[in-house]
Amino acid sequence: MLRGDKYWIGGAAWSPDSRYLATSSTDKALCVWDTRRGTAVTTLQGHTDYAWRVAWSPDGRRLATGSRDRTVRLWDPFSGARLVTMTGHQERVQGVAWSPDGRHLASVSWDRTVRLWNPDDGRELTVIGVHDDQANGLAWHPDGSHLATVSRDRSGRIWEPATDMDGLLRRARSRVFRRLTDDERRSFLLPTTRARI
């Protein structure tokens, strides 16, 4: 048994190599445990309110956390260094999940939004969707093509996050069965057709 936290533990996640366990707590800190030795390796501090959720990157080199302070943060799990702080949610962050390839991080919040982030620089890439009530959990499809979210609105939704213009264009072309007008193209930020003289 791992002992050390004096506060309520809100989340836990195994490292990809199964050696370490990260826990998040109501004392605003996170702890990384060496499960072979039963000892704490590092304590990560920086959230200003309860740390609810924690997730390891697929390569095991970063930890993502979601907190009641409305932020998503990335950490070096072994040095304890805070790498990136992501802001944008208007309520507590209830879930964080890495894409299987580690190139994207998704988060859900009680503000009802599902957001996609670039974990390298902390940029918000997009708001994927909005639930009708608090969003509470999420999971990537193993191939990274879809993201499932669940909400207090009693729904589970499956999203197809497109993270670049090529992906958006492919998705749009697969769903449009007629030629778009120039006004429609402008509204989707696509180049307009050129008039031939």
Protein backbone atom coordinates (compact mmCIF):
# COMPACT_ATOMS: atom_id res chain seq x y z
CA MET A 1 0.00 0.00 0.00
CA LEU A 2 1.22 3.48 -0.86
CA ARG A 3 0.93 5.92 1.99
CA GLY A 4 1.73 9.57 2.16
CA ASP A 5 -1.22 11.59 0.96
CA LYS A 6 -3.05 13.27 3.83
CA TYR A 7 -5.88 14.44 1.60
CA TRP A 8 -8.58 12.94 -0.58
CA ILE A 9 -7.13 11.43 -3.77
CA GLY A 10 -9.02 12.48 -6.90
CA GLY A 11 -7.25 10.57 -9.64
CA ALA A 12 -4.64 7.95 -10.40
CA ALA A 13 -2.83 6.78 -13.53
CA TRP A 14 -0.19 4.15 -14.25
CA SER A 15 2.89 5.02 -16.29
CA PRO A 16 3.12 3.19 -19.64
CA ASP A 17 5.89 0.94 -18.27
CA SER A 18 3.73 0.11 -15.20
CA ARG A 19 6.48 1.06 -12.75
CA TYR A 20 5.10 4.40 -11.58
CA LEU A 21 1.73 5.54 -10.36
CA ALA A 22 0.71 9.20 -10.38
CA THR A 23 -1.99 10.40 -7.98
CA SER A 24 -3.80 13.74 -7.81
CA SER A 25 -5.17 15.12 -4.59
CA THR A 26 -7.32 17.76 -2.92
CA ASP A 27 -4.15 19.27 -1.40
CA LYS A 28 -3.54 20.71 -4.92
CA ALA A 29 -0.46 18.52 -5.41
CA LEU A 30 0.34 15.38 -7.35
CA CYS A 31 2.56 12.56 -6.30
CA VAL A 32 4.54 10.14 -8.47
CA TRP A 33 5.12 6.80 -6.75
CA ASP A 34 7.66 4.09 -7.48
CA THR A 35 5.39 1.05 -7.07
CA ARG A 36 8.31 -1.39 -6.76
CA ARG A 37 9.72 0.42 -3.76
CA GLY A 38 6.46 1.84 -2.41
CA THR A 39 7.97 5.31 -2.12
CA ALA A 40 7.18 8.76 -3.49
CA VAL A 41 9.52 9.85 -6.29
CA THR A 42 8.32 13.43 -6.75
CA THR A 43 5.63 15.80 -5.61
CA LEU A 44 4.31 18.18 -8.25
CA GLN A 45 3.01 21.49 -6.96
CA GLY A 46 1.52 24.46 -8.79
CA HIS A 47 -2.24 24.04 -9.06
CA THR A 48 -4.16 26.65 -7.06
CA ASP A 49 -7.13 24.39 -6.32
CA TYR A 50 -7.86 20.64 -6.15
CA ALA A 51 -6.05 18.54 -8.71
CA TRP A 52 -8.71 16.13 -10.01
CA ARG A 53 -7.34 14.15 -12.93
CA VAL A 54 -3.98 12.89 -14.12
CA ALA A 55 -2.81 11.13 -17.31
CA TRP A 56 0.61 9.94 -18.52
CA SER A 57 1.78 10.69 -22.03
CA PRO A 58 2.16 7.55 -24.17
CA ASP A 59 5.97 7.82 -24.00
CA GLY A 60 5.91 8.20 -20.19
CA ARG A 61 7.86 11.46 -20.24
CA ARG A 62 5.06 13.89 -19.30
CA LEU A 63 2.06 14.03 -17.01
CA ALA A 64 -1.10 15.99 -17.77
CA THR A 65 -3.35 17.17 -14.95
CA GLY A 66 -6.76 18.78 -14.76
CA SER A 67 -7.82 20.86 -11.80
CA ARG A 68 -10.62 22.74 -10.17
CA ASP A 69 -8.47 25.84 -10.83
CA ARG A 70 -9.69 25.56 -14.47
CA THR A 71 -6.26 24.74 -15.89
CA VAL A 72 -4.63 21.83 -17.64
CA ARG A 73 -0.95 21.50 -16.78
CA LEU A 74 1.90 19.41 -18.10
CA TRP A 75 4.73 18.24 -15.89
CA ASP A 76 8.01 16.40 -15.99
CA PRO A 77 7.04 13.54 -13.67
CA PHE A 78 10.56 12.92 -12.42
CA SER A 79 12.04 16.40 -11.95
CA GLY A 80 8.72 17.93 -10.88
CA ALA A 81 9.12 20.79 -13.36
CA ARG A 82 5.95 22.42 -14.67
CA LEU A 83 6.28 22.43 -18.46
CA VAL A 84 3.11 24.10 -19.76
CA THR A 85 -0.07 25.62 -18.33
CA MET A 86 -3.14 25.61 -20.58
CA THR A 87 -5.98 28.02 -19.91
CA GLY A 88 -9.36 28.37 -21.56
CA HIS A 89 -11.84 26.36 -19.53
CA GLN A 90 -14.30 28.44 -17.51
CA GLU A 91 -15.00 25.76 -14.88
CA ARG A 92 -13.13 22.87 -13.25
CA VAL A 93 -11.39 20.41 -15.56
CA GLN A 94 -12.86 16.94 -15.06
CA GLY A 95 -10.78 14.89 -17.46
CA VAL A 96 -7.58 14.87 -19.49
CA ALA A 97 -6.53 12.29 -22.09
CA TRP A 98 -3.58 11.97 -24.46
CA SER A 99 -4.11 10.91 -28.04
CA PRO A 100 -2.52 7.49 -28.67
CA ASP A 101 0.33 9.07 -30.67
CA GLY A 102 0.98 11.70 -27.96
CA ARG A 103 0.58 14.61 -30.39
CA HIS A 104 -2.63 15.97 -28.82
CA LEU A 105 -4.20 16.34 -25.42
CA ALA A 106 -7.96 16.55 -24.88
CA SER A 107 -9.77 17.90 -21.84
CA VAL A 108 -13.36 18.14 -20.61
CA SER A 109 -14.79 20.53 -18.09
CA TRP A 110 -17.84 21.47 -16.11
CA ASP A 111 -18.05 24.43 -18.54
CA ARG A 112 -19.48 21.72 -20.90
CA THR A 113 -16.65 22.03 -23.45
CA VAL A 114 -14.37 19.45 -25.01
CA ARG A 115 -11.04 21.08 -25.91
CA LEU A 116 -8.04 19.91 -27.90
CA TRP A 117 -4.53 21.18 -27.07
CA ASN A 118 -1.04 21.08 -28.53
CA PRO A 119 0.96 19.64 -25.61
CA ASP A 120 4.26 20.96 -26.94
CA ASP A 121 3.42 24.65 -26.61
CA GLY A 122 0.08 24.66 -24.76
CA ARG A 123 -1.92 26.19 -27.62
CA GLU A 124 -5.62 25.47 -27.72
CA LEU A 125 -6.22 23.90 -31.12
CA THR A 126 -10.00 23.83 -31.05
CA VAL A 127 -13.13 23.42 -29.02
CA ILE A 128 -14.26 20.07 -30.41
CA GLY A 129 -17.76 20.25 -29.01
CA VAL A 130 -20.11 21.33 -26.28
CA HIS A 131 -22.36 19.17 -24.10
CA ASP A 132 -25.68 20.38 -22.69
CA ASP A 133 -24.37 20.02 -19.12
CA GLN A 134 -21.11 19.36 -17.27
CA ALA A 135 -18.66 17.15 -19.17
CA ASN A 136 -17.14 14.56 -16.84
CA GLY A 137 -14.97 12.08 -18.72
CA LEU A 138 -13.31 11.23 -22.01
CA ALA A 139 -11.40 8.51 -23.84
CA TRP A 140 -9.58 8.31 -27.18
CA HIS A 141 -10.26 5.51 -29.62
CA PRO A 142 -7.10 3.35 -29.79
CA ASP A 143 -6.33 4.56 -33.34
CA GLY A 144 -6.78 8.24 -32.37
CA SER A 145 -9.53 8.88 -34.91
CA HIS A 146 -12.33 9.54 -32.42
CA LEU A 147 -12.81 10.93 -28.96
CA ALA A 148 -15.65 9.80 -26.70
CA THR A 149 -16.99 12.07 -23.95
CA VAL A 150 -19.62 11.65 -21.25
CA SER A 151 -21.66 14.27 -19.49
CA ARG A 152 -24.09 15.01 -16.72
CA ASP A 153 -26.58 15.65 -19.56
CA ARG A 154 -26.88 11.83 -19.61
CA SER A 155 -25.22 11.52 -22.98
CA GLY A 156 -22.11 9.97 -24.38
CA ARG A 157 -20.85 11.54 -27.57
CA ILE A 158 -18.27 10.54 -30.13
CA TRP A 159 -16.30 13.30 -31.85
CA GLU A 160 -13.98 13.27 -34.86
CA PRO A 161 -11.37 15.85 -33.95
CA ALA A 162 -9.64 17.35 -36.97
CA THR A 163 -6.43 19.03 -35.92
CA ASP A 164 -5.26 20.60 -39.15
CA MET A 165 -6.68 22.24 -42.28
CA ASP A 166 -6.09 19.12 -44.38
CA GLY A 167 -8.12 17.06 -41.91
CA LEU A 168 -10.92 19.62 -41.92
CA LEU A 169 -10.96 19.69 -45.72
CA ARG A 170 -11.06 15.88 -45.94
CA ARG A 171 -13.94 15.76 -43.49
CA ALA A 172 -15.82 18.54 -45.29
CA ARG A 173 -15.35 16.91 -48.71
CA SER A 174 -16.64 13.60 -47.39
CA ARG A 175 -19.87 15.28 -46.28
CA VAL A 176 -20.59 17.77 -49.08
CA PHE A 177 -22.42 16.38 -52.08
CA ARG A 178 -22.73 19.56 -54.10
CA ARG A 179 -20.39 22.34 -55.11
CA LEU A 180 -20.15 25.08 -52.47
CA THR A 181 -20.94 28.68 -53.41
CA ASP A 182 -18.23 31.31 -52.99
CA ASP A 183 -20.07 32.69 -49.94
CA GLU A 184 -20.13 29.22 -48.35
CA ARG A 185 -16.44 28.74 -49.14
CA ARG A 186 -15.60 32.09 -47.51
CA SER A 187 -17.63 31.19 -44.40
CA PHE A 188 -15.52 28.01 -44.03
CA LEU A 189 -12.28 29.94 -44.74
CA LEU A 190 -11.71 28.06 -48.00
CA PRO A 191 -10.30 29.70 -51.12
CA THR A 192 -12.97 30.95 -53.48
CA THR A 193 -13.20 29.78 -57.06
CA ARG A 194 -11.52 31.99 -59.61
CA ALA A 195 -13.58 33.44 -62.40
CA ARG A 196 -12.26 32.62 -65.86
CA ILE A 197 -11.93 35.55 -68.25
